[in-house]
Amino acid sequence: MSTAHVVVTVLTILANAGVAAADLVKADFVLANAAAVDVPPSWVPVLGALKAAGAAGLLLGLLGAHVVGVAAAIGLVVFFAGAIVAHARAGVWHNVAVPGAFLALAATSLALA
């Protein structure tokens, strides 16, 4: 396991854990972003749980469960690709860089795995 893999994956874990926490407490900015892309507020905690599961899976991958880490990275790549699609469908471009950054972190974690 390379240093780059560990650093990028730890950053991916921290970013996803942080935004998952914001989702789970239904932070105002999260609800505003969800509304902008037509995501019902009832979905926000579920999406937060998925991000938290991805972060936990990446952590397990770093701790030795390589297959779990790879699966988590794939899941996060698919999740954030879907988020970008949701932004595109809603025509919301002012903050599409945020899911783009999360996608880039997850994809890089996957590539380095």
PDB file of N, CA and C in Angstrom:
ATOM      1  N   MET A   1       0.853  -1.172   0.000  1.00  0.00           N
ATOM      2  CA  MET A   1       0.000   0.000   0.000  1.00  0.00           C
ATOM      3  C   MET A   1       0.904   1.243   0.000  1.00  0.00           C
ATOM      4  N   SER A   2       0.680   2.104  -0.981  1.00  0.00           N
ATOM      5  CA  SER A   2       1.544   3.273  -1.118  1.00  0.00           C
ATOM      6  C   SER A   2       1.120   4.407  -0.195  1.00  0.00           C
ATOM      7  N   THR A   3       2.049   5.314   0.019  1.00  0.00           N
ATOM      8  CA  THR A   3       1.748   6.503   0.820  1.00  0.00           C
ATOM      9  C   THR A   3       0.656   7.329   0.165  1.00  0.00           C
ATOM     10  N   ALA A   4       0.711   7.447  -1.154  1.00  0.00           N
ATOM     11  CA  ALA A   4      -0.315   8.214  -1.875  1.00  0.00           C
ATOM     12  C   ALA A   4      -1.694   7.603  -1.660  1.00  0.00           C
ATOM     13  N   HIS A   5      -1.774   6.282  -1.718  1.00  0.00           N
ATOM     14  CA  HIS A   5      -3.055   5.606  -1.492  1.00  0.00           C
ATOM     15  C   HIS A   5      -3.587   5.911  -0.098  1.00  0.00           C
ATOM     16  N   VAL A   6      -2.745   5.816   0.899  1.00  0.00           N
ATOM     17  CA  VAL A   6      -3.170   6.070   2.275  1.00  0.00           C
ATOM     18  C   VAL A   6      -3.624   7.520   2.435  1.00  0.00           C
ATOM     19  N   VAL A   7      -2.849   8.459   1.925  1.00  0.00           N
ATOM     20  CA  VAL A   7      -3.189   9.881   2.080  1.00  0.00           C
ATOM     21  C   VAL A   7      -4.508  10.208   1.388  1.00  0.00           C
ATOM     22  N   VAL A   8      -4.641   9.802   0.140  1.00  0.00           N
ATOM     23  CA  VAL A   8      -5.866  10.111  -0.608  1.00  0.00           C
ATOM     24  C   VAL A   8      -7.066   9.416   0.028  1.00  0.00           C
ATOM     25  N   THR A   9      -6.897   8.186   0.441  1.00  0.00           N
ATOM     26  CA  THR A   9      -8.021   7.456   1.031  1.00  0.00           C
ATOM     27  C   THR A   9      -8.417   8.048   2.372  1.00  0.00           C
ATOM     28  N   VAL A  10      -7.466   8.452   3.174  1.00  0.00           N
ATOM     29  CA  VAL A  10      -7.796   9.114   4.447  1.00  0.00           C
ATOM     30  C   VAL A  10      -8.541  10.429   4.178  1.00  0.00           C
ATOM     31  N   LEU A  11      -8.104  11.194   3.193  1.00  0.00           N
ATOM     32  CA  LEU A  11      -8.833  12.419   2.835  1.00  0.00           C
ATOM     33  C   LEU A  11     -10.249  12.098   2.372  1.00  0.00           C
ATOM     34  N   THR A  12     -10.404  11.040   1.607  1.00  0.00           N
ATOM     35  CA  THR A  12     -11.724  10.630   1.132  1.00  0.00           C
ATOM     36  C   THR A  12     -12.603  10.202   2.306  1.00  0.00           C
ATOM     37  N   ILE A  13     -12.024   9.477   3.235  1.00  0.00           N
ATOM     38  CA  ILE A  13     -12.769   9.048   4.426  1.00  0.00           C
ATOM     39  C   ILE A  13     -13.231  10.264   5.224  1.00  0.00           C
ATOM     40  N   LEU A  14     -12.314  11.197   5.487  1.00  0.00           N
ATOM     41  CA  LEU A  14     -12.658  12.369   6.282  1.00  0.00           C
ATOM     42  C   LEU A  14     -13.718  13.234   5.605  1.00  0.00           C
ATOM     43  N   ALA A  15     -13.575  13.431   4.303  1.00  0.00           N
ATOM     44  CA  ALA A  15     -14.540  14.251   3.568  1.00  0.00           C
ATOM     45  C   ALA A  15     -15.926  13.621   3.601  1.00  0.00           C
ATOM     46  N   ASN A  16     -15.987  12.313   3.353  1.00  0.00           N
ATOM     47  CA  ASN A  16     -17.286  11.641   3.325  1.00  0.00           C
ATOM     48  C   ASN A  16     -17.893  11.520   4.717  1.00  0.00           C
ATOM     49  N   ALA A  17     -17.079  11.278   5.720  1.00  0.00           N
ATOM     50  CA  ALA A  17     -17.598  11.215   7.088  1.00  0.00           C
ATOM     51  C   ALA A  17     -18.152  12.575   7.502  1.00  0.00           C
ATOM     52  N   GLY A  18     -17.453  13.633   7.127  1.00  0.00           N
ATOM     53  CA  GLY A  18     -17.923  14.982   7.477  1.00  0.00           C
ATOM     54  C   GLY A  18     -19.234  15.327   6.820  1.00  0.00           C
ATOM     55  N   VAL A  19     -19.348  15.061   5.528  1.00  0.00           N
ATOM     56  CA  VAL A  19     -20.590  15.399   4.827  1.00  0.00           C
ATOM     57  C   VAL A  19     -21.702  14.438   5.233  1.00  0.00           C
ATOM     58  N   ALA A  20     -21.374  13.207   5.576  1.00  0.00           N
ATOM     59  CA  ALA A  20     -22.387  12.270   6.062  1.00  0.00           C
ATOM     60  C   ALA A  20     -22.976  12.781   7.373  1.00  0.00           C
ATOM     61  N   ALA A  21     -22.127  13.286   8.246  1.00  0.00           N
ATOM     62  CA  ALA A  21     -22.615  13.850   9.512  1.00  0.00           C
ATOM     63  C   ALA A  21     -23.544  15.030   9.244  1.00  0.00           C
ATOM     64  N   ALA A  22     -23.169  15.884   8.305  1.00  0.00           N
ATOM     65  CA  ALA A  22     -24.024  17.027   7.950  1.00  0.00           C
ATOM     66  C   ALA A  22     -25.356  16.548   7.385  1.00  0.00           C
ATOM     67  N   ASP A  23     -25.326  15.487   6.587  1.00  0.00           N
ATOM     68  CA  ASP A  23     -26.564  14.914   6.050  1.00  0.00           C
ATOM     69  C   ASP A  23     -27.437  14.364   7.173  1.00  0.00           C
ATOM     70  N   LEU A  24     -26.826  13.646   8.083  1.00  0.00           N
ATOM     71  CA  LEU A  24     -27.591  12.984   9.138  1.00  0.00           C
ATOM     72  C   LEU A  24     -28.238  13.969  10.104  1.00  0.00           C
ATOM     73  N   VAL A  25     -27.621  15.132  10.298  1.00  0.00           N
ATOM     74  CA  VAL A  25     -28.240  16.159  11.153  1.00  0.00           C
ATOM     75  C   VAL A  25     -29.083  17.137  10.340  1.00  0.00           C
ATOM     76  N   LYS A  26     -29.182  16.879   9.049  1.00  0.00           N
ATOM     77  CA  LYS A  26     -29.966  17.720   8.126  1.00  0.00           C
ATOM     78  C   LYS A  26     -29.569  19.201   8.235  1.00  0.00           C
ATOM     79  N   ALA A  27     -28.275  19.436   8.045  1.00  0.00           N
ATOM     80  CA  ALA A  27     -27.753  20.807   8.072  1.00  0.00           C
ATOM     81  C   ALA A  27     -28.450  21.643   7.003  1.00  0.00           C
ATOM     82  N   ASP A  28     -28.597  22.928   7.279  1.00  0.00           N
ATOM     83  CA  ASP A  28     -29.312  23.821   6.363  1.00  0.00           C
ATOM     84  C   ASP A  28     -28.735  23.796   4.948  1.00  0.00           C
ATOM     85  N   PHE A  29     -27.399  23.829   4.835  1.00  0.00           N
ATOM     86  CA  PHE A  29     -26.800  23.849   3.499  1.00  0.00           C
ATOM     87  C   PHE A  29     -27.077  22.547   2.746  1.00  0.00           C
ATOM     88  N   VAL A  30     -27.158  21.449   3.470  1.00  0.00           N
ATOM     89  CA  VAL A  30     -27.453  20.160   2.844  1.00  0.00           C
ATOM     90  C   VAL A  30     -28.877  20.159   2.305  1.00  0.00           C
ATOM     91  N   LEU A  31     -29.815  20.618   3.112  1.00  0.00           N
ATOM     92  CA  LEU A  31     -31.215  20.663   2.683  1.00  0.00           C
ATOM     93  C   LEU A  31     -31.397  21.615   1.507  1.00  0.00           C
ATOM     94  N   ALA A  32     -30.680  22.736   1.516  1.00  0.00           N
ATOM     95  CA  ALA A  32     -30.771  23.685   0.400  1.00  0.00           C
ATOM     96  C   ALA A  32     -30.233  23.062  -0.889  1.00  0.00           C
ATOM     97  N   ASN A  33     -29.096  22.387  -0.788  1.00  0.00           N
ATOM     98  CA  ASN A  33     -28.532  21.739  -1.975  1.00  0.00           C
ATOM     99  C   ASN A  33     -29.433  20.622  -2.478  1.00  0.00           C
ATOM    100  N   ALA A  34     -30.001  19.849  -1.569  1.00  0.00           N
ATOM    101  CA  ALA A  34     -30.900  18.772  -1.960  1.00  0.00           C
ATOM    102  C   ALA A  34     -32.128  19.335  -2.670  1.00  0.00           C
ATOM    103  N   ALA A  35     -32.688  20.394  -2.124  1.00  0.00           N
ATOM    104  CA  ALA A  35     -33.869  21.011  -2.745  1.00  0.00           C
ATOM    105  C   ALA A  35     -33.536  21.550  -4.131  1.00  0.00           C
ATOM    106  N   ALA A  36     -32.348  22.086  -4.291  1.00  0.00           N
ATOM    107  CA  ALA A  36     -31.960  22.662  -5.584  1.00  0.00           C
ATOM    108  C   ALA A  36     -31.908  21.615  -6.687  1.00  0.00           C
ATOM    109  N   VAL A  37     -31.578  20.386  -6.325  1.00  0.00           N
ATOM    110  CA  VAL A  37     -31.486  19.314  -7.329  1.00  0.00           C
ATOM    111  C   VAL A  37     -32.661  18.343  -7.230  1.00  0.00           C
ATOM    112  N   ASP A  38     -33.732  18.787  -6.600  1.00  0.00           N
ATOM    113  CA  ASP A  38     -34.994  18.029  -6.511  1.00  0.00           C
ATOM    114  C   ASP A  38     -34.875  16.709  -5.761  1.00  0.00           C
ATOM    115  N   VAL A  39     -34.046  16.685  -4.735  1.00  0.00           N
ATOM    116  CA  VAL A  39     -33.945  15.513  -3.869  1.00  0.00           C
ATOM    117  C   VAL A  39     -34.841  15.764  -2.658  1.00  0.00           C
ATOM    118  N   PRO A  40     -35.807  14.879  -2.399  1.00  0.00           N
ATOM    119  CA  PRO A  40     -36.698  15.082  -1.252  1.00  0.00           C
ATOM    120  C   PRO A  40     -35.923  15.084   0.069  1.00  0.00           C
ATOM    121  N   PRO A  41     -36.327  15.913   1.019  1.00  0.00           N
ATOM    122  CA  PRO A  41     -35.630  15.963   2.318  1.00  0.00           C
ATOM    123  C   PRO A  41     -35.587  14.606   3.026  1.00  0.00           C
ATOM    124  N   SER A  42     -36.571  13.765   2.780  1.00  0.00           N
ATOM    125  CA  SER A  42     -36.594  12.450   3.428  1.00  0.00           C
ATOM    126  C   SER A  42     -35.454  11.548   2.957  1.00  0.00           C
ATOM    127  N   TRP A  43     -34.872  11.854   1.796  1.00  0.00           N
ATOM    128  CA  TRP A  43     -33.764  11.058   1.279  1.00  0.00           C
ATOM    129  C   TRP A  43     -32.422  11.439   1.895  1.00  0.00           C
ATOM    130  N   VAL A  44     -32.346  12.631   2.458  1.00  0.00           N
ATOM    131  CA  VAL A  44     -31.054  13.156   2.928  1.00  0.00           C
ATOM    132  C   VAL A  44     -30.395  12.231   3.956  1.00  0.00           C
ATOM    133  N   PRO A  45     -31.107  11.761   4.983  1.00  0.00           N
ATOM    134  CA  PRO A  45     -30.430  10.854   5.925  1.00  0.00           C
ATOM    135  C   PRO A  45     -29.991   9.531   5.281  1.00  0.00           C
ATOM    136  N   VAL A  46     -30.762   9.048   4.326  1.00  0.00           N
ATOM    137  CA  VAL A  46     -30.392   7.809   3.631  1.00  0.00           C
ATOM    138  C   VAL A  46     -29.106   8.036   2.832  1.00  0.00           C
ATOM    139  N   LEU A  47     -29.039   9.157   2.141  1.00  0.00           N
ATOM    140  CA  LEU A  47     -27.824   9.480   1.386  1.00  0.00           C
ATOM    141  C   LEU A  47     -26.636   9.658   2.325  1.00  0.00           C
ATOM    142  N   GLY A  48     -26.881  10.258   3.480  1.00  0.00           N
ATOM    143  CA  GLY A  48     -25.826  10.398   4.485  1.00  0.00           C
ATOM    144  C   GLY A  48     -25.339   9.050   4.984  1.00  0.00           C
ATOM    145  N   ALA A  49     -26.279   8.135   5.176  1.00  0.00           N
ATOM    146  CA  ALA A  49     -25.894   6.787   5.619  1.00  0.00           C
ATOM    147  C   ALA A  49     -25.053   6.077   4.561  1.00  0.00           C
ATOM    148  N   LEU A  50     -25.391   6.284   3.293  1.00  0.00           N
ATOM    149  CA  LEU A  50     -24.592   5.682   2.215  1.00  0.00           C
ATOM    150  C   LEU A  50     -23.173   6.253   2.203  1.00  0.00           C
ATOM    151  N   LYS A  51     -23.052   7.567   2.392  1.00  0.00           N
ATOM    152  CA  LYS A  51     -21.715   8.181   2.443  1.00  0.00           C
ATOM    153  C   LYS A  51     -20.936   7.664   3.648  1.00  0.00           C
ATOM    154  N   ALA A  52     -21.610   7.538   4.786  1.00  0.00           N
ATOM    155  CA  ALA A  52     -20.952   7.014   5.991  1.00  0.00           C
ATOM    156  C   ALA A  52     -20.504   5.570   5.771  1.00  0.00           C
ATOM    157  N   ALA A  53     -21.338   4.783   5.114  1.00  0.00           N
ATOM    158  CA  ALA A  53     -20.969   3.399   4.819  1.00  0.00           C
ATOM    159  C   ALA A  53     -19.755   3.353   3.895  1.00  0.00           C
ATOM    160  N   GLY A  54     -19.716   4.260   2.917  1.00  0.00           N
ATOM    161  CA  GLY A  54     -18.555   4.332   2.030  1.00  0.00           C
ATOM    162  C   GLY A  54     -17.291   4.677   2.788  1.00  0.00           C
ATOM    163  N   ALA A  55     -17.395   5.645   3.691  1.00  0.00           N
ATOM    164  CA  ALA A  55     -16.232   6.033   4.497  1.00  0.00           C
ATOM    165  C   ALA A  55     -15.775   4.870   5.376  1.00  0.00           C
ATOM    166  N   ALA A  56     -16.735   4.184   5.994  1.00  0.00           N
ATOM    167  CA  ALA A  56     -16.382   3.040   6.850  1.00  0.00           C
ATOM    168  C   ALA A  56     -15.741   1.923   6.030  1.00  0.00           C
ATOM    169  N   GLY A  57     -16.270   1.685   4.838  1.00  0.00           N
ATOM    170  CA  GLY A  57     -15.692   0.658   3.977  1.00  0.00           C
ATOM    171  C   GLY A  57     -14.269   0.992   3.562  1.00  0.00           C
ATOM    172  N   LEU A  58     -14.033   2.260   3.249  1.00  0.00           N
ATOM    173  CA  LEU A  58     -12.667   2.675   2.903  1.00  0.00           C
ATOM    174  C   LEU A  58     -11.724   2.467   4.081  1.00  0.00           C
ATOM    175  N   LEU A  59     -12.201   2.789   5.281  1.00  0.00           N
ATOM    176  CA  LEU A  59     -11.378   2.590   6.469  1.00  0.00           C
ATOM    177  C   LEU A  59     -11.060   1.110   6.662  1.00  0.00           C
ATOM    178  N   LEU A  60     -12.068   0.272   6.494  1.00  0.00           N
ATOM    179  CA  LEU A  60     -11.819  -1.174   6.600  1.00  0.00           C
ATOM    180  C   LEU A  60     -10.813  -1.634   5.548  1.00  0.00           C
ATOM    181  N   GLY A  61     -10.877  -1.035   4.375  1.00  0.00           N
ATOM    182  CA  GLY A  61      -9.909  -1.359   3.334  1.00  0.00           C
ATOM    183  C   GLY A  61      -8.488  -1.020   3.742  1.00  0.00           C
ATOM    184  N   LEU A  62      -8.342   0.130   4.384  1.00  0.00           N
ATOM    185  CA  LEU A  62      -7.000   0.513   4.852  1.00  0.00           C
ATOM    186  C   LEU A  62      -6.507  -0.396   5.973  1.00  0.00           C
ATOM    187  N   LEU A  63      -7.467  -0.935   6.727  1.00  0.00           N
ATOM    188  CA  LEU A  63      -7.092  -1.786   7.860  1.00  0.00           C
ATOM    189  C   LEU A  63      -6.885  -3.244   7.466  1.00  0.00           C
ATOM    190  N   GLY A  64      -6.993  -3.559   6.168  1.00  0.00           N
ATOM    191  CA  GLY A  64      -6.667  -4.904   5.724  1.00  0.00           C
ATOM    192  C   GLY A  64      -7.734  -5.602   4.904  1.00  0.00           C
ATOM    193  N   ALA A  65      -8.966  -5.127   4.956  1.00  0.00           N
ATOM    194  CA  ALA A  65     -10.038  -5.755   4.167  1.00  0.00           C
ATOM    195  C   ALA A  65     -10.062  -5.092   2.794  1.00  0.00           C
ATOM    196  N   HIS A  66      -9.068  -5.439   1.974  1.00  0.00           N
ATOM    197  CA  HIS A  66      -8.859  -4.774   0.687  1.00  0.00           C
ATOM    198  C   HIS A  66     -10.093  -4.813  -0.207  1.00  0.00           C
ATOM    199  N   VAL A  67     -10.749  -5.947  -0.272  1.00  0.00           N
ATOM    200  CA  VAL A  67     -11.927  -6.088  -1.133  1.00  0.00           C
ATOM    201  C   VAL A  67     -13.037  -5.144  -0.678  1.00  0.00           C
ATOM    202  N   VAL A  68     -13.202  -4.991   0.619  1.00  0.00           N
ATOM    203  CA  VAL A  68     -14.224  -4.083   1.151  1.00  0.00           C
ATOM    204  C   VAL A  68     -13.885  -2.642   0.770  1.00  0.00           C
ATOM    205  N   GLY A  69     -12.619  -2.278   0.864  1.00  0.00           N
ATOM    206  CA  GLY A  69     -12.192  -0.938   0.484  1.00  0.00           C
ATOM    207  C   GLY A  69     -12.441  -0.639  -0.984  1.00  0.00           C
ATOM    208  N   VAL A  70     -12.154  -1.603  -1.834  1.00  0.00           N
ATOM    209  CA  VAL A  70     -12.386  -1.435  -3.273  1.00  0.00           C
ATOM    210  C   VAL A  70     -13.886  -1.303  -3.543  1.00  0.00           C
ATOM    211  N   ALA A  71     -14.684  -2.148  -2.900  1.00  0.00           N
ATOM    212  CA  ALA A  71     -16.138  -2.075  -3.078  1.00  0.00           C
ATOM    213  C   ALA A  71     -16.675  -0.726  -2.605  1.00  0.00           C
ATOM    214  N   ALA A  72     -16.162  -0.226  -1.497  1.00  0.00           N
ATOM    215  CA  ALA A  72     -16.595   1.072  -0.976  1.00  0.00           C
ATOM    216  C   ALA A  72     -16.222   2.191  -1.940  1.00  0.00           C
ATOM    217  N   ALA A  73     -15.020   2.127  -2.479  1.00  0.00           N
ATOM    218  CA  ALA A  73     -14.595   3.144  -3.439  1.00  0.00           C
ATOM    219  C   ALA A  73     -15.475   3.118  -4.680  1.00  0.00           C
ATOM    220  N   ILE A  74     -15.792   1.923  -5.169  1.00  0.00           N
ATOM    221  CA  ILE A  74     -16.686   1.801  -6.332  1.00  0.00           C
ATOM    222  C   ILE A  74     -18.049   2.395  -5.997  1.00  0.00           C
ATOM    223  N   GLY A  75     -18.563   2.071  -4.830  1.00  0.00           N
ATOM    224  CA  GLY A  75     -19.853   2.608  -4.412  1.00  0.00           C
ATOM    225  C   GLY A  75     -19.858   4.123  -4.355  1.00  0.00           C
ATOM    226  N   LEU A  76     -18.793   4.709  -3.825  1.00  0.00           N
ATOM    227  CA  LEU A  76     -18.713   6.170  -3.756  1.00  0.00           C
ATOM    228  C   LEU A  76     -18.568   6.796  -5.137  1.00  0.00           C
ATOM    229  N   VAL A  77     -17.840   6.152  -6.022  1.00  0.00           N
ATOM    230  CA  VAL A  77     -17.726   6.658  -7.397  1.00  0.00           C
ATOM    231  C   VAL A  77     -19.102   6.682  -8.047  1.00  0.00           C
ATOM    232  N   VAL A  78     -19.841   5.604  -7.916  1.00  0.00           N
ATOM    233  CA  VAL A  78     -21.190   5.539  -8.498  1.00  0.00           C
ATOM    234  C   VAL A  78     -22.096   6.577  -7.840  1.00  0.00           C
ATOM    235  N   PHE A  79     -22.015   6.697  -6.534  1.00  0.00           N
ATOM    236  CA  PHE A  79     -22.845   7.652  -5.794  1.00  0.00           C
ATOM    237  C   PHE A  79     -22.610   9.074  -6.305  1.00  0.00           C
ATOM    238  N   PHE A  80     -21.357   9.485  -6.376  1.00  0.00           N
ATOM    239  CA  PHE A  80     -21.077  10.869  -6.756  1.00  0.00           C
ATOM    240  C   PHE A  80     -21.240  11.105  -8.251  1.00  0.00           C
ATOM    241  N   ALA A  81     -21.097  10.076  -9.059  1.00  0.00           N
ATOM    242  CA  ALA A  81     -21.456  10.221 -10.477  1.00  0.00           C
ATOM    243  C   ALA A  81     -22.955  10.495 -10.575  1.00  0.00           C
ATOM    244  N   GLY A  82     -23.731   9.789  -9.762  1.00  0.00           N
ATOM    245  CA  GLY A  82     -25.165  10.043  -9.714  1.00  0.00           C
ATOM    246  C   GLY A  82     -25.492  11.441  -9.234  1.00  0.00           C
ATOM    247  N   ALA A  83     -24.724  11.946  -8.288  1.00  0.00           N
ATOM    248  CA  ALA A  83     -24.939  13.313  -7.801  1.00  0.00           C
ATOM    249  C   ALA A  83     -24.690  14.330  -8.916  1.00  0.00           C
ATOM    250  N   ILE A  84     -23.679  14.088  -9.716  1.00  0.00           N
ATOM    251  CA  ILE A  84     -23.403  14.989 -10.838  1.00  0.00           C
ATOM    252  C   ILE A  84     -24.529  14.913 -11.865  1.00  0.00           C
ATOM    253  N   VAL A  85     -25.038  13.719 -12.104  1.00  0.00           N
ATOM    254  CA  VAL A  85     -26.179  13.567 -13.010  1.00  0.00           C
ATOM    255  C   VAL A  85     -27.383  14.327 -12.464  1.00  0.00           C
ATOM    256  N   ALA A  86     -27.624  14.231 -11.165  1.00  0.00           N
ATOM    257  CA  ALA A  86     -28.746  14.966 -10.556  1.00  0.00           C
ATOM    258  C   ALA A  86     -28.578  16.466 -10.739  1.00  0.00           C
ATOM    259  N   HIS A  87     -27.356  16.962 -10.569  1.00  0.00           N
ATOM    260  CA  HIS A  87     -27.101  18.392 -10.794  1.00  0.00           C
ATOM    261  C   HIS A  87     -27.369  18.765 -12.251  1.00  0.00           C
ATOM    262  N   ALA A  88     -26.912  17.928 -13.164  1.00  0.00           N
ATOM    263  CA  ALA A  88     -27.097  18.218 -14.595  1.00  0.00           C
ATOM    264  C   ALA A  88     -28.579  18.205 -14.971  1.00  0.00           C
ATOM    265  N   ARG A  89     -29.307  17.216 -14.489  1.00  0.00           N
ATOM    266  CA  ARG A  89     -30.740  17.126 -14.801  1.00  0.00           C
ATOM    267  C   ARG A  89     -31.501  18.333 -14.276  1.00  0.00           C
ATOM    268  N   ALA A  90     -31.081  18.834 -13.102  1.00  0.00           N
ATOM    269  CA  ALA A  90     -31.752  19.988 -12.504  1.00  0.00           C
ATOM    270  C   ALA A  90     -31.213  21.307 -13.053  1.00  0.00           C
ATOM    271  N   GLY A  91     -30.126  21.246 -13.823  1.00  0.00           N
ATOM    272  CA  GLY A  91     -29.522  22.463 -14.359  1.00  0.00           C
ATOM    273  C   GLY A  91     -28.859  23.313 -13.287  1.00  0.00           C
ATOM    274  N   VAL A  92     -28.382  22.667 -12.239  1.00  0.00           N
ATOM    275  CA  VAL A  92     -27.727  23.368 -11.122  1.00  0.00           C
ATOM    276  C   VAL A  92     -26.220  23.217 -11.298  1.00  0.00           C
ATOM    277  N   TRP A  93     -25.585  24.285 -11.722  1.00  0.00           N
ATOM    278  CA  TRP A  93     -24.152  24.234 -12.028  1.00  0.00           C
ATOM    279  C   TRP A  93     -23.299  25.007 -11.031  1.00  0.00           C
ATOM    280  N   HIS A  94     -23.919  25.855 -10.222  1.00  0.00           N
ATOM    281  CA  HIS A  94     -23.127  26.723  -9.348  1.00  0.00           C
ATOM    282  C   HIS A  94     -22.347  25.957  -8.280  1.00  0.00           C
ATOM    283  N   ASN A  95     -22.788  24.767  -7.946  1.00  0.00           N
ATOM    284  CA  ASN A  95     -22.075  24.003  -6.918  1.00  0.00           C
ATOM    285  C   ASN A  95     -21.741  22.574  -7.342  1.00  0.00           C
ATOM    286  N   VAL A  96     -21.727  22.327  -8.646  1.00  0.00           N
ATOM    287  CA  VAL A  96     -21.431  20.979  -9.131  1.00  0.00           C
ATOM    288  C   VAL A  96     -19.975  20.578  -8.845  1.00  0.00           C
ATOM    289  N   ALA A  97     -19.133  21.543  -8.559  1.00  0.00           N
ATOM    290  CA  ALA A  97     -17.737  21.220  -8.234  1.00  0.00           C
ATOM    291  C   ALA A  97     -17.623  20.427  -6.938  1.00  0.00           C
ATOM    292  N   VAL A  98     -18.598  20.580  -6.050  1.00  0.00           N
ATOM    293  CA  VAL A  98     -18.526  19.851  -4.773  1.00  0.00           C
ATOM    294  C   VAL A  98     -18.663  18.341  -5.004  1.00  0.00           C
ATOM    295  N   PRO A  99     -19.750  17.868  -5.640  1.00  0.00           N
ATOM    296  CA  PRO A  99     -19.765  16.430  -5.905  1.00  0.00           C
ATOM    297  C   PRO A  99     -18.648  16.001  -6.851  1.00  0.00           C
ATOM    298  N   GLY A 100     -18.199  16.919  -7.708  1.00  0.00           N
ATOM    299  CA  GLY A 100     -17.069  16.614  -8.583  1.00  0.00           C
ATOM    300  C   GLY A 100     -15.804  16.335  -7.787  1.00  0.00           C
ATOM    301  N   ALA A 101     -15.583  17.117  -6.741  1.00  0.00           N
ATOM    302  CA  ALA A 101     -14.406  16.906  -5.890  1.00  0.00           C
ATOM    303  C   ALA A 101     -14.512  15.587  -5.131  1.00  0.00           C
ATOM    304  N   PHE A 102     -15.711  15.287  -4.625  1.00  0.00           N
ATOM    305  CA  PHE A 102     -15.909  14.012  -3.939  1.00  0.00           C
ATOM    306  C   PHE A 102     -15.720  12.841  -4.903  1.00  0.00           C
ATOM    307  N   LEU A 103     -16.211  13.000  -6.123  1.00  0.00           N
ATOM    308  CA  LEU A 103     -16.015  11.966  -7.139  1.00  0.00           C
ATOM    309  C   LEU A 103     -14.532  11.776  -7.433  1.00  0.00           C
ATOM    310  N   ALA A 104     -13.804  12.865  -7.559  1.00  0.00           N
ATOM    311  CA  ALA A 104     -12.376  12.780  -7.840  1.00  0.00           C
ATOM    312  C   ALA A 104     -11.634  12.069  -6.705  1.00  0.00           C
ATOM    313  N   LEU A 105     -11.986  12.378  -5.463  1.00  0.00           N
ATOM    314  CA  LEU A 105     -11.353  11.698  -4.321  1.00  0.00           C
ATOM    315  C   LEU A 105     -11.646  10.198  -4.354  1.00  0.00           C
ATOM    316  N   ALA A 106     -12.921   9.849  -4.558  1.00  0.00           N
ATOM    317  CA  ALA A 106     -13.291   8.431  -4.565  1.00  0.00           C
ATOM    318  C   ALA A 106     -12.629   7.698  -5.725  1.00  0.00           C
ATOM    319  N   ALA A 107     -12.617   8.313  -6.900  1.00  0.00           N
ATOM    320  CA  ALA A 107     -12.001   7.677  -8.063  1.00  0.00           C
ATOM    321  C   ALA A 107     -10.500   7.504  -7.874  1.00  0.00           C
ATOM    322  N   THR A 108      -9.874   8.481  -7.264  1.00  0.00           N
ATOM    323  CA  THR A 108      -8.432   8.371  -7.020  1.00  0.00           C
ATOM    324  C   THR A 108      -8.143   7.295  -5.971  1.00  0.00           C
ATOM    325  N   SER A 109      -8.982   7.228  -4.943  1.00  0.00           N
ATOM    326  CA  SER A 109      -8.831   6.153  -3.955  1.00  0.00           C
ATOM    327  C   SER A 109      -8.963   4.793  -4.619  1.00  0.00           C
ATOM    328  N   LEU A 110      -9.927   4.677  -5.519  1.00  0.00           N
ATOM    329  CA  LEU A 110     -10.120   3.416  -6.240  1.00  0.00           C
ATOM    330  C   LEU A 110      -8.915   3.101  -7.136  1.00  0.00           C
ATOM    331  N   ALA A 111      -8.460   4.100  -7.869  1.00  0.00           N
ATOM    332  CA  ALA A 111      -7.343   3.882  -8.784  1.00  0.00           C
ATOM    333  C   ALA A 111      -6.070   3.469  -8.039  1.00  0.00           C
ATOM    334  N   LEU A 112      -5.879   4.010  -6.860  1.00  0.00           N
ATOM    335  CA  LEU A 112      -4.668   3.708  -6.095  1.00  0.00           C
ATOM    336  C   LEU A 112      -4.777   2.408  -5.297  1.00  0.00           C
ATOM    337  N   ALA A 113      -6.010   1.906  -5.162  1.00  0.00           N
ATOM    338  CA  ALA A 113      -6.222   0.671  -4.379  1.00  0.00           C
ATOM    339  C   ALA A 113      -5.582  -0.452  -5.064  1.00  0.00           C
TER     340      ALA A 113
END
